[in-house]
């Protein structure tokens, strides 16, 4: 039975929004159905069917009962994975560039989820629902690097809570187009679904969420900059949208970058790598820190621009 305590940053928020933020993998619509079905309690009292708009207070206890089991019919596939760490509760993977994280339209198999189902023998958390078992946070198809998956619901809830409270540390490296002049900077712009292209995200005030990205210049090259990025929030396409917004799209990003940009050194997508993640183990309480080497495509990109 998933349960958690309302954190200070969620004080005064709507109940359905709070649950969506704290339990990764739950859509707002699915949460509202759970509330409507009488499956959510607040401080031990069942929330009324119309209680999705109810405002919560810091310190209140939210419990979710009888989550409908969604049968996972995905096919386990024997796909090689770069496993960085694994125990009975979670697995940390260094994802290759080009691998889709979970099945969706156009990518129904050969995803990270298919590979994890085979590797973990089906032992993955179910909170993410159909097509996303074990998935706590995601990386884009063409973003490489570190990602953690949960083997059971306890681990999933604990990791999701850390992400919601912004205690889950993520550091990326990227090559972006153009020369960034300041050595450091912070981009604090809300991100939401683009109103002109529903397949894209955008910096907007319309149905948007707070998004904060810190960056630091590592090295400058003619026409390009190698940077480090630290995420405070984790919105969809956050780094790509924020960097494009300030005029320095990630090199090779043909969605948010210039269509005619030179991307010959990036083979199929953006030059963006999830290099480091840090979190508290959701069961043992240990400090977990993982750092990965830059992959070959990334080092080749750096060599190409260093002329």
C-alpha atoms as a PDB file:
ATOM      1  CA  UNK A   1       0.000   0.000   0.000  1.00  0.00           C
ATOM      2  CA  UNK A   2       1.777   3.204  -1.144  1.00  0.00           C
ATOM      3  CA  UNK A   3       1.764   5.951   1.463  1.00  0.00           C
ATOM      4  CA  UNK A   4       3.699   9.138   2.134  1.00  0.00           C
ATOM      5  CA  UNK A   5       3.701  12.304   4.236  1.00  0.00           C
ATOM      6  CA  UNK A   6       2.938  15.673   2.640  1.00  0.00           C
ATOM      7  CA  UNK A   7       6.221  17.589   2.371  1.00  0.00           C
ATOM      8  CA  UNK A   8       6.486  21.375   2.893  1.00  0.00           C
ATOM      9  CA  UNK A   9       6.777  22.046  -0.835  1.00  0.00           C
ATOM     10  CA  UNK A  10       3.386  20.391  -1.433  1.00  0.00           C
ATOM     11  CA  UNK A  11       1.542  22.311   1.298  1.00  0.00           C
ATOM     12  CA  UNK A  12      -1.615  23.833  -0.161  1.00  0.00           C
ATOM     13  CA  UNK A  13      -1.491  21.860  -3.418  1.00  0.00           C
ATOM     14  CA  UNK A  14      -4.371  19.851  -4.861  1.00  0.00           C
ATOM     15  CA  UNK A  15      -4.490  16.257  -3.676  1.00  0.00           C
ATOM     16  CA  UNK A  16      -4.449  14.753  -7.188  1.00  0.00           C
ATOM     17  CA  UNK A  17      -1.515  16.945  -8.213  1.00  0.00           C
ATOM     18  CA  UNK A  18       0.425  16.043  -5.070  1.00  0.00           C
ATOM     19  CA  UNK A  19      -0.042  12.303  -5.584  1.00  0.00           C
ATOM     20  CA  UNK A  20       0.967  12.613  -9.241  1.00  0.00           C
ATOM     21  CA  UNK A  21       4.182  14.416  -8.244  1.00  0.00           C
ATOM     22  CA  UNK A  22       5.075  12.035  -5.424  1.00  0.00           C
ATOM     23  CA  UNK A  23       4.331   8.722  -7.118  1.00  0.00           C
ATOM     24  CA  UNK A  24       6.234   8.670 -10.397  1.00  0.00           C
ATOM     25  CA  UNK A  25       4.445   6.806 -13.157  1.00  0.00           C
ATOM     26  CA  UNK A  26       0.930   7.832 -12.124  1.00  0.00           C
ATOM     27  CA  UNK A  27      -0.881  10.086 -14.599  1.00  0.00           C
ATOM     28  CA  UNK A  28      -3.228  12.760 -13.239  1.00  0.00           C
ATOM     29  CA  UNK A  29      -6.170  10.930 -14.843  1.00  0.00           C
ATOM     30  CA  UNK A  30      -5.227   7.650 -13.165  1.00  0.00           C
ATOM     31  CA  UNK A  31      -4.899   9.356  -9.779  1.00  0.00           C
ATOM     32  CA  UNK A  32      -8.311  10.960 -10.171  1.00  0.00           C
ATOM     33  CA  UNK A  33      -9.832   7.542 -10.906  1.00  0.00           C
ATOM     34  CA  UNK A  34      -8.240   6.166  -7.733  1.00  0.00           C
ATOM     35  CA  UNK A  35      -9.714   9.029  -5.714  1.00  0.00           C
ATOM     36  CA  UNK A  36     -13.094   8.589  -7.381  1.00  0.00           C
ATOM     37  CA  UNK A  37     -13.014   4.894  -6.534  1.00  0.00           C
ATOM     38  CA  UNK A  38     -12.512   5.578  -2.837  1.00  0.00           C
ATOM     39  CA  UNK A  39      -8.965   4.204  -2.897  1.00  0.00           C
ATOM     40  CA  UNK A  40      -7.254   7.224  -1.321  1.00  0.00           C
ATOM     41  CA  UNK A  41      -7.211   8.130   2.363  1.00  0.00           C
ATOM     42  CA  UNK A  42      -5.982  11.322   3.985  1.00  0.00           C
ATOM     43  CA  UNK A  43      -4.959  10.923   7.630  1.00  0.00           C
ATOM     44  CA  UNK A  44      -6.839   7.621   7.684  1.00  0.00           C
ATOM     45  CA  UNK A  45     -10.102   8.978   6.254  1.00  0.00           C
ATOM     46  CA  UNK A  46     -11.327   7.982   2.807  1.00  0.00           C
ATOM     47  CA  UNK A  47     -11.337  10.967   0.473  1.00  0.00           C
ATOM     48  CA  UNK A  48     -14.757  11.575  -1.045  1.00  0.00           C
ATOM     49  CA  UNK A  49     -15.232  10.837  -4.722  1.00  0.00           C
ATOM     50  CA  UNK A  50     -15.203  14.548  -5.504  1.00  0.00           C
ATOM     51  CA  UNK A  51     -12.090  15.170  -3.439  1.00  0.00           C
ATOM     52  CA  UNK A  52      -9.568  15.459  -6.254  1.00  0.00           C
ATOM     53  CA  UNK A  53      -9.551  19.261  -5.809  1.00  0.00           C
ATOM     54  CA  UNK A  54      -9.002  18.972  -2.059  1.00  0.00           C
ATOM     55  CA  UNK A  55      -6.013  20.984  -0.795  1.00  0.00           C
ATOM     56  CA  UNK A  56      -3.511  19.121   1.362  1.00  0.00           C
ATOM     57  CA  UNK A  57      -1.430  20.330   4.300  1.00  0.00           C
ATOM     58  CA  UNK A  58       2.139  19.649   5.312  1.00  0.00           C
ATOM     59  CA  UNK A  59       2.424  16.602   7.586  1.00  0.00           C
ATOM     60  CA  UNK A  60      -0.778  14.902   6.429  1.00  0.00           C
ATOM     61  CA  UNK A  61      -0.506  11.202   5.577  1.00  0.00           C
ATOM     62  CA  UNK A  62      -1.704  10.029   2.181  1.00  0.00           C
ATOM     63  CA  UNK A  63      -2.417   6.322   1.638  1.00  0.00           C
ATOM     64  CA  UNK A  64      -3.492   4.610  -1.557  1.00  0.00           C
ATOM     65  CA  UNK A  65      -5.343   1.324  -1.210  1.00  0.00           C
ATOM     66  CA  UNK A  66      -6.230  -1.410  -3.659  1.00  0.00           C
ATOM     67  CA  UNK A  67      -4.406  -0.085  -6.692  1.00  0.00           C
ATOM     68  CA  UNK A  68      -5.837  -2.030  -9.624  1.00  0.00           C
ATOM     69  CA  UNK A  69      -3.246  -4.479 -10.875  1.00  0.00           C
ATOM     70  CA  UNK A  70      -2.364  -3.819 -14.498  1.00  0.00           C
ATOM     71  CA  UNK A  71      -1.187  -6.976 -16.174  1.00  0.00           C
ATOM     72  CA  UNK A  72       2.144  -6.530 -17.869  1.00  0.00           C
ATOM     73  CA  UNK A  73       2.066  -8.374 -21.183  1.00  0.00           C
ATOM     74  CA  UNK A  74       5.322  -6.947 -22.490  1.00  0.00           C
ATOM     75  CA  UNK A  75       7.791  -9.414 -23.869  1.00  0.00           C
ATOM     76  CA  UNK A  76      11.076  -9.858 -21.962  1.00  0.00           C
ATOM     77  CA  UNK A  77      13.886  -9.580 -24.474  1.00  0.00           C
ATOM     78  CA  UNK A  78      17.490 -10.640 -24.064  1.00  0.00           C
ATOM     79  CA  UNK A  79      19.067  -7.284 -24.847  1.00  0.00           C
ATOM     80  CA  UNK A  80      22.537  -6.516 -23.445  1.00  0.00           C
ATOM     81  CA  UNK A  81      22.531  -3.940 -20.661  1.00  0.00           C
ATOM     82  CA  UNK A  82      25.364  -2.060 -18.993  1.00  0.00           C
ATOM     83  CA  UNK A  83      24.448  -2.725 -15.348  1.00  0.00           C
ATOM     84  CA  UNK A  84      26.325  -0.399 -13.015  1.00  0.00           C
ATOM     85  CA  UNK A  85      24.737  -1.591  -9.752  1.00  0.00           C
ATOM     86  CA  UNK A  86      22.037  -3.996  -8.676  1.00  0.00           C
ATOM     87  CA  UNK A  87      20.480  -5.341  -5.471  1.00  0.00           C
ATOM     88  CA  UNK A  88      17.106  -6.769  -4.443  1.00  0.00           C
ATOM     89  CA  UNK A  89      15.412  -3.371  -4.662  1.00  0.00           C
ATOM     90  CA  UNK A  90      16.813  -1.434  -7.587  1.00  0.00           C
ATOM     91  CA  UNK A  91      19.071  -1.538 -10.609  1.00  0.00           C
ATOM     92  CA  UNK A  92      21.228   1.251 -12.048  1.00  0.00           C
ATOM     93  CA  UNK A  93      21.795   1.135 -15.804  1.00  0.00           C
ATOM     94  CA  UNK A  94      24.158   3.095 -18.031  1.00  0.00           C
ATOM     95  CA  UNK A  95      21.809   3.458 -21.025  1.00  0.00           C
ATOM     96  CA  UNK A  96      23.158   3.504 -24.552  1.00  0.00           C
ATOM     97  CA  UNK A  97      22.337   6.350 -26.902  1.00  0.00           C
ATOM     98  CA  UNK A  98      19.501   5.291 -29.212  1.00  0.00           C
ATOM     99  CA  UNK A  99      17.694   3.007 -26.742  1.00  0.00           C
ATOM    100  CA  UNK A 100      14.075   3.911 -25.967  1.00  0.00           C
ATOM    101  CA  UNK A 101      13.270   3.649 -22.251  1.00  0.00           C
ATOM    102  CA  UNK A 102       9.712   2.294 -22.425  1.00  0.00           C
ATOM    103  CA  UNK A 103       7.302   1.125 -25.150  1.00  0.00           C
ATOM    104  CA  UNK A 104       5.212   3.763 -26.868  1.00  0.00           C
ATOM    105  CA  UNK A 105       3.752   4.412 -30.287  1.00  0.00           C
ATOM    106  CA  UNK A 106       6.364   3.464 -32.844  1.00  0.00           C
ATOM    107  CA  UNK A 107       8.553   1.638 -30.303  1.00  0.00           C
ATOM    108  CA  UNK A 108       6.716  -1.377 -28.924  1.00  0.00           C
ATOM    109  CA  UNK A 109       9.735  -3.534 -28.213  1.00  0.00           C
ATOM    110  CA  UNK A 110      13.538  -3.570 -27.922  1.00  0.00           C
ATOM    111  CA  UNK A 111      13.251  -0.936 -25.198  1.00  0.00           C
ATOM    112  CA  UNK A 112      14.989  -0.675 -21.850  1.00  0.00           C
ATOM    113  CA  UNK A 113      11.822  -2.043 -20.211  1.00  0.00           C
ATOM    114  CA  UNK A 114      11.918  -5.151 -22.417  1.00  0.00           C
ATOM    115  CA  UNK A 115      15.553  -5.658 -21.480  1.00  0.00           C
ATOM    116  CA  UNK A 116      14.895  -5.126 -17.765  1.00  0.00           C
ATOM    117  CA  UNK A 117      11.998  -7.581 -17.761  1.00  0.00           C
ATOM    118  CA  UNK A 118      14.383 -10.237 -19.056  1.00  0.00           C
ATOM    119  CA  UNK A 119      17.285  -9.276 -16.811  1.00  0.00           C
ATOM    120  CA  UNK A 120      15.184  -8.974 -13.647  1.00  0.00           C
ATOM    121  CA  UNK A 121      13.012 -11.972 -14.532  1.00  0.00           C
ATOM    122  CA  UNK A 122       9.883  -9.852 -14.357  1.00  0.00           C
ATOM    123  CA  UNK A 123      10.695  -8.465 -10.901  1.00  0.00           C
ATOM    124  CA  UNK A 124       9.940  -4.776 -11.420  1.00  0.00           C
ATOM    125  CA  UNK A 125       7.661  -2.313  -9.635  1.00  0.00           C
ATOM    126  CA  UNK A 126       4.127  -2.051 -10.973  1.00  0.00           C
ATOM    127  CA  UNK A 127       3.388   1.531  -9.985  1.00  0.00           C
ATOM    128  CA  UNK A 128       4.467   2.799 -13.385  1.00  0.00           C
ATOM    129  CA  UNK A 129       1.573   0.876 -14.895  1.00  0.00           C
ATOM    130  CA  UNK A 130       1.372  -0.902 -18.193  1.00  0.00           C
ATOM    131  CA  UNK A 131       4.417  -0.331 -20.435  1.00  0.00           C
ATOM    132  CA  UNK A 132       6.456   1.353 -17.672  1.00  0.00           C
ATOM    133  CA  UNK A 133       7.214  -1.276 -15.022  1.00  0.00           C
ATOM    134  CA  UNK A 134      10.129  -0.205 -12.851  1.00  0.00           C
ATOM    135  CA  UNK A 135      10.548   3.171 -14.512  1.00  0.00           C
ATOM    136  CA  UNK A 136      11.010   5.934 -11.945  1.00  0.00           C
ATOM    137  CA  UNK A 137      12.577   8.558 -14.214  1.00  0.00           C
ATOM    138  CA  UNK A 138      13.399   8.604 -17.907  1.00  0.00           C
ATOM    139  CA  UNK A 139      16.036   9.594 -20.408  1.00  0.00           C
ATOM    140  CA  UNK A 140      15.247  10.537 -23.991  1.00  0.00           C
ATOM    141  CA  UNK A 141      16.000   7.960 -26.663  1.00  0.00           C
ATOM    142  CA  UNK A 142      19.112   9.792 -27.826  1.00  0.00           C
ATOM    143  CA  UNK A 143      20.321  10.781 -24.369  1.00  0.00           C
ATOM    144  CA  UNK A 144      22.834   8.329 -22.947  1.00  0.00           C
ATOM    145  CA  UNK A 145      23.831   7.665 -19.361  1.00  0.00           C
ATOM    146  CA  UNK A 146      22.751   6.699 -15.886  1.00  0.00           C
ATOM    147  CA  UNK A 147      19.198   5.774 -14.937  1.00  0.00           C
ATOM    148  CA  UNK A 148      17.762   3.887 -11.941  1.00  0.00           C
ATOM    149  CA  UNK A 149      14.830   1.455 -12.091  1.00  0.00           C
ATOM    150  CA  UNK A 150      12.855   0.015  -9.171  1.00  0.00           C
ATOM    151  CA  UNK A 151      12.354  -3.693  -8.614  1.00  0.00           C
ATOM    152  CA  UNK A 152       9.404  -3.301  -6.248  1.00  0.00           C
ATOM    153  CA  UNK A 153       6.837  -0.719  -5.205  1.00  0.00           C
ATOM    154  CA  UNK A 154       8.615   0.169  -1.952  1.00  0.00           C
ATOM    155  CA  UNK A 155      11.745   1.198  -3.828  1.00  0.00           C
ATOM    156  CA  UNK A 156       9.685   2.987  -6.475  1.00  0.00           C
ATOM    157  CA  UNK A 157       7.815   5.083  -3.912  1.00  0.00           C
ATOM    158  CA  UNK A 158      10.993   5.957  -2.042  1.00  0.00           C
ATOM    159  CA  UNK A 159      12.847   7.045  -5.162  1.00  0.00           C
ATOM    160  CA  UNK A 160       9.865   8.988  -6.510  1.00  0.00           C
ATOM    161  CA  UNK A 161       9.549  10.838  -3.206  1.00  0.00           C
ATOM    162  CA  UNK A 162      13.192  11.918  -3.424  1.00  0.00           C
ATOM    163  CA  UNK A 163      12.656  13.199  -6.954  1.00  0.00           C
ATOM    164  CA  UNK A 164       9.533  15.077  -5.856  1.00  0.00           C
ATOM    165  CA  UNK A 165      11.416  16.624  -2.919  1.00  0.00           C
ATOM    166  CA  UNK A 166      14.335  17.439  -5.221  1.00  0.00           C
ATOM    167  CA  UNK A 167      16.726  15.264  -3.243  1.00  0.00           C
ATOM    168  CA  UNK A 168      17.622  13.109  -6.249  1.00  0.00           C
ATOM    169  CA  UNK A 169      20.794  14.600  -7.742  1.00  0.00           C
ATOM    170  CA  UNK A 170      21.425  14.459 -11.514  1.00  0.00           C
ATOM    171  CA  UNK A 171      24.435  15.828 -13.385  1.00  0.00           C
ATOM    172  CA  UNK A 172      24.710  15.849 -17.159  1.00  0.00           C
ATOM    173  CA  UNK A 173      27.291  16.864 -19.731  1.00  0.00           C
ATOM    174  CA  UNK A 174      26.472  18.225 -23.163  1.00  0.00           C
ATOM    175  CA  UNK A 175      27.969  19.844 -26.201  1.00  0.00           C
ATOM    176  CA  UNK A 176      25.864  22.832 -27.242  1.00  0.00           C
ATOM    177  CA  UNK A 177      26.006  25.052 -30.291  1.00  0.00           C
ATOM    178  CA  UNK A 178      27.524  28.514 -30.077  1.00  0.00           C
ATOM    179  CA  UNK A 179      29.815  30.054 -27.483  1.00  0.00           C
ATOM    180  CA  UNK A 180      28.356  30.550 -24.011  1.00  0.00           C
ATOM    181  CA  UNK A 181      30.030  33.629 -22.576  1.00  0.00           C
ATOM    182  CA  UNK A 182      29.334  33.378 -18.817  1.00  0.00           C
ATOM    183  CA  UNK A 183      31.191  30.616 -16.989  1.00  0.00           C
ATOM    184  CA  UNK A 184      28.088  29.661 -15.010  1.00  0.00           C
ATOM    185  CA  UNK A 185      24.394  30.356 -15.114  1.00  0.00           C
ATOM    186  CA  UNK A 186      20.904  29.307 -14.050  1.00  0.00           C
ATOM    187  CA  UNK A 187      17.903  28.951 -16.314  1.00  0.00           C
ATOM    188  CA  UNK A 188      14.661  29.219 -14.387  1.00  0.00           C
ATOM    189  CA  UNK A 189      11.852  29.115 -16.918  1.00  0.00           C
ATOM    190  CA  UNK A 190       8.575  27.141 -16.716  1.00  0.00           C
ATOM    191  CA  UNK A 191       8.112  24.293 -19.177  1.00  0.00           C
ATOM    192  CA  UNK A 192       4.864  22.951 -20.579  1.00  0.00           C
ATOM    193  CA  UNK A 193       3.462  21.320 -23.687  1.00  0.00           C
ATOM    194  CA  UNK A 194       3.938  23.436 -26.814  1.00  0.00           C
ATOM    195  CA  UNK A 195       0.687  25.019 -27.976  1.00  0.00           C
ATOM    196  CA  UNK A 196       1.769  24.836 -31.625  1.00  0.00           C
ATOM    197  CA  UNK A 197       3.271  21.324 -31.680  1.00  0.00           C
ATOM    198  CA  UNK A 198       1.914  18.816 -29.152  1.00  0.00           C
ATOM    199  CA  UNK A 199       4.928  16.547 -29.680  1.00  0.00           C
ATOM    200  CA  UNK A 200       7.243  19.208 -28.275  1.00  0.00           C
ATOM    201  CA  UNK A 201       7.753  20.968 -24.954  1.00  0.00           C
ATOM    202  CA  UNK A 202       8.348  24.689 -24.657  1.00  0.00           C
ATOM    203  CA  UNK A 203       9.132  27.518 -22.274  1.00  0.00           C
ATOM    204  CA  UNK A 204       5.634  28.816 -21.631  1.00  0.00           C
ATOM    205  CA  UNK A 205       3.306  30.113 -18.937  1.00  0.00           C
ATOM    206  CA  UNK A 206       0.442  27.983 -20.233  1.00  0.00           C
ATOM    207  CA  UNK A 207      -0.174  24.839 -18.141  1.00  0.00           C
ATOM    208  CA  UNK A 208       3.526  24.841 -17.281  1.00  0.00           C
ATOM    209  CA  UNK A 209       5.588  23.651 -14.343  1.00  0.00           C
ATOM    210  CA  UNK A 210       8.581  25.270 -12.684  1.00  0.00           C
ATOM    211  CA  UNK A 211      11.865  24.156 -14.244  1.00  0.00           C
ATOM    212  CA  UNK A 212      15.370  25.027 -13.031  1.00  0.00           C
ATOM    213  CA  UNK A 213      18.669  24.111 -14.700  1.00  0.00           C
ATOM    214  CA  UNK A 214      22.162  25.122 -13.550  1.00  0.00           C
ATOM    215  CA  UNK A 215      25.009  25.065 -16.070  1.00  0.00           C
ATOM    216  CA  UNK A 216      28.779  25.488 -15.970  1.00  0.00           C
ATOM    217  CA  UNK A 217      31.142  25.850 -18.922  1.00  0.00           C
ATOM    218  CA  UNK A 218      33.806  23.139 -19.052  1.00  0.00           C
ATOM    219  CA  UNK A 219      35.495  24.158 -22.312  1.00  0.00           C
ATOM    220  CA  UNK A 220      34.844  26.429 -25.285  1.00  0.00           C
ATOM    221  CA  UNK A 221      35.473  25.495 -28.911  1.00  0.00           C
ATOM    222  CA  UNK A 222      34.913  27.347 -32.194  1.00  0.00           C
ATOM    223  CA  UNK A 223      31.137  27.359 -32.566  1.00  0.00           C
ATOM    224  CA  UNK A 224      30.494  24.959 -29.676  1.00  0.00           C
ATOM    225  CA  UNK A 225      30.640  24.790 -25.866  1.00  0.00           C
ATOM    226  CA  UNK A 226      31.143  21.763 -23.615  1.00  0.00           C
ATOM    227  CA  UNK A 227      29.043  22.243 -20.482  1.00  0.00           C
ATOM    228  CA  UNK A 228      28.005  20.541 -17.263  1.00  0.00           C
ATOM    229  CA  UNK A 229      24.347  20.733 -16.209  1.00  0.00           C
ATOM    230  CA  UNK A 230      22.669  20.084 -12.879  1.00  0.00           C
ATOM    231  CA  UNK A 231      18.922  19.574 -12.728  1.00  0.00           C
ATOM    232  CA  UNK A 232      16.883  20.972  -9.845  1.00  0.00           C
ATOM    233  CA  UNK A 233      13.654  19.798 -11.467  1.00  0.00           C
ATOM    234  CA  UNK A 234      13.131  17.017 -13.994  1.00  0.00           C
ATOM    235  CA  UNK A 235      10.688  18.143 -16.669  1.00  0.00           C
ATOM    236  CA  UNK A 236      10.322  16.383 -20.005  1.00  0.00           C
ATOM    237  CA  UNK A 237      13.114  17.501 -22.385  1.00  0.00           C
ATOM    238  CA  UNK A 238      14.164  20.085 -19.769  1.00  0.00           C
ATOM    239  CA  UNK A 239      17.825  20.491 -20.738  1.00  0.00           C
ATOM    240  CA  UNK A 240      17.076  20.520 -24.456  1.00  0.00           C
ATOM    241  CA  UNK A 241      14.271  23.079 -24.086  1.00  0.00           C
ATOM    242  CA  UNK A 242      16.189  25.357 -21.701  1.00  0.00           C
ATOM    243  CA  UNK A 243      19.376  25.383 -23.761  1.00  0.00           C
ATOM    244  CA  UNK A 244      17.432  26.085 -26.962  1.00  0.00           C
ATOM    245  CA  UNK A 245      15.586  28.881 -25.155  1.00  0.00           C
ATOM    246  CA  UNK A 246      18.838  30.744 -24.390  1.00  0.00           C
ATOM    247  CA  UNK A 247      20.057  30.281 -27.944  1.00  0.00           C
ATOM    248  CA  UNK A 248      22.425  27.351 -27.389  1.00  0.00           C
ATOM    249  CA  UNK A 249      20.591  24.151 -28.371  1.00  0.00           C
ATOM    250  CA  UNK A 250      22.257  20.826 -27.685  1.00  0.00           C
ATOM    251  CA  UNK A 251      24.400  19.846 -30.661  1.00  0.00           C
ATOM    252  CA  UNK A 252      22.637  17.334 -32.871  1.00  0.00           C
ATOM    253  CA  UNK A 253      19.177  18.114 -31.475  1.00  0.00           C
ATOM    254  CA  UNK A 254      17.104  18.392 -34.635  1.00  0.00           C
ATOM    255  CA  UNK A 255      13.875  18.900 -32.652  1.00  0.00           C
ATOM    256  CA  UNK A 256      14.791  21.954 -30.609  1.00  0.00           C
ATOM    257  CA  UNK A 257      17.871  23.083 -32.531  1.00  0.00           C
ATOM    258  CA  UNK A 258      18.245  24.723 -35.916  1.00  0.00           C
ATOM    259  CA  UNK A 259      17.229  22.360 -38.701  1.00  0.00           C
ATOM    260  CA  UNK A 260      20.352  23.246 -40.677  1.00  0.00           C
ATOM    261  CA  UNK A 261      22.773  22.988 -37.799  1.00  0.00           C
ATOM    262  CA  UNK A 262      25.981  21.063 -38.364  1.00  0.00           C
ATOM    263  CA  UNK A 263      25.517  17.708 -36.627  1.00  0.00           C
ATOM    264  CA  UNK A 264      27.870  15.533 -38.643  1.00  0.00           C
ATOM    265  CA  UNK A 265      29.815  14.530 -35.516  1.00  0.00           C
ATOM    266  CA  UNK A 266      26.692  13.391 -33.645  1.00  0.00           C
ATOM    267  CA  UNK A 267      25.397  10.102 -35.006  1.00  0.00           C
ATOM    268  CA  UNK A 268      21.636  10.228 -34.615  1.00  0.00           C
ATOM    269  CA  UNK A 269      20.509  12.762 -32.035  1.00  0.00           C
ATOM    270  CA  UNK A 270      21.722  15.142 -29.401  1.00  0.00           C
ATOM    271  CA  UNK A 271      25.086  15.115 -27.649  1.00  0.00           C
ATOM    272  CA  UNK A 272      23.768  14.768 -24.094  1.00  0.00           C
ATOM    273  CA  UNK A 273      24.900  12.339 -21.395  1.00  0.00           C
ATOM    274  CA  UNK A 274      23.567  11.640 -17.887  1.00  0.00           C
ATOM    275  CA  UNK A 275      26.937  11.393 -16.179  1.00  0.00           C
ATOM    276  CA  UNK A 276      26.166  11.246 -12.457  1.00  0.00           C
ATOM    277  CA  UNK A 277      23.236  10.383 -10.206  1.00  0.00           C
ATOM    278  CA  UNK A 278      23.112  10.527  -6.422  1.00  0.00           C
ATOM    279  CA  UNK A 279      20.314   9.459  -4.079  1.00  0.00           C
ATOM    280  CA  UNK A 280      19.519   7.776  -0.766  1.00  0.00           C
ATOM    281  CA  UNK A 281      18.801   4.064  -1.033  1.00  0.00           C
ATOM    282  CA  UNK A 282      15.021   3.855  -0.442  1.00  0.00           C
ATOM    283  CA  UNK A 283      15.346   0.751   1.772  1.00  0.00           C
ATOM    284  CA  UNK A 284      18.812   0.684   3.363  1.00  0.00           C
ATOM    285  CA  UNK A 285      19.247   4.450   3.750  1.00  0.00           C
ATOM    286  CA  UNK A 286      22.739   4.331   2.236  1.00  0.00           C
ATOM    287  CA  UNK A 287      24.144   7.226   0.197  1.00  0.00           C
ATOM    288  CA  UNK A 288      24.334   6.024  -3.403  1.00  0.00           C
ATOM    289  CA  UNK A 289      26.618   7.773  -5.899  1.00  0.00           C
ATOM    290  CA  UNK A 290      27.257   6.671  -9.481  1.00  0.00           C
ATOM    291  CA  UNK A 291      29.473   8.372 -12.045  1.00  0.00           C
ATOM    292  CA  UNK A 292      29.914   7.168 -15.626  1.00  0.00           C
ATOM    293  CA  UNK A 293      32.599   7.773 -18.210  1.00  0.00           C
ATOM    294  CA  UNK A 294      31.708   9.796 -21.273  1.00  0.00           C
ATOM    295  CA  UNK A 295      30.703   7.398 -24.067  1.00  0.00           C
ATOM    296  CA  UNK A 296      32.629   7.081 -27.315  1.00  0.00           C
ATOM    297  CA  UNK A 297      30.204   9.163 -29.390  1.00  0.00           C
ATOM    298  CA  UNK A 298      30.653  12.021 -26.909  1.00  0.00           C
ATOM    299  CA  UNK A 299      34.451  11.924 -26.827  1.00  0.00           C
ATOM    300  CA  UNK A 300      34.468  11.748 -30.628  1.00  0.00           C
ATOM    301  CA  UNK A 301      32.253  14.840 -30.715  1.00  0.00           C
ATOM    302  CA  UNK A 302      34.694  16.700 -28.461  1.00  0.00           C
ATOM    303  CA  UNK A 303      37.586  15.648 -30.675  1.00  0.00           C
ATOM    304  CA  UNK A 304      35.694  16.822 -33.779  1.00  0.00           C
ATOM    305  CA  UNK A 305      35.023  20.317 -32.465  1.00  0.00           C
ATOM    306  CA  UNK A 306      38.500  20.736 -30.968  1.00  0.00           C
ATOM    307  CA  UNK A 307      40.085  21.899 -34.222  1.00  0.00           C
END
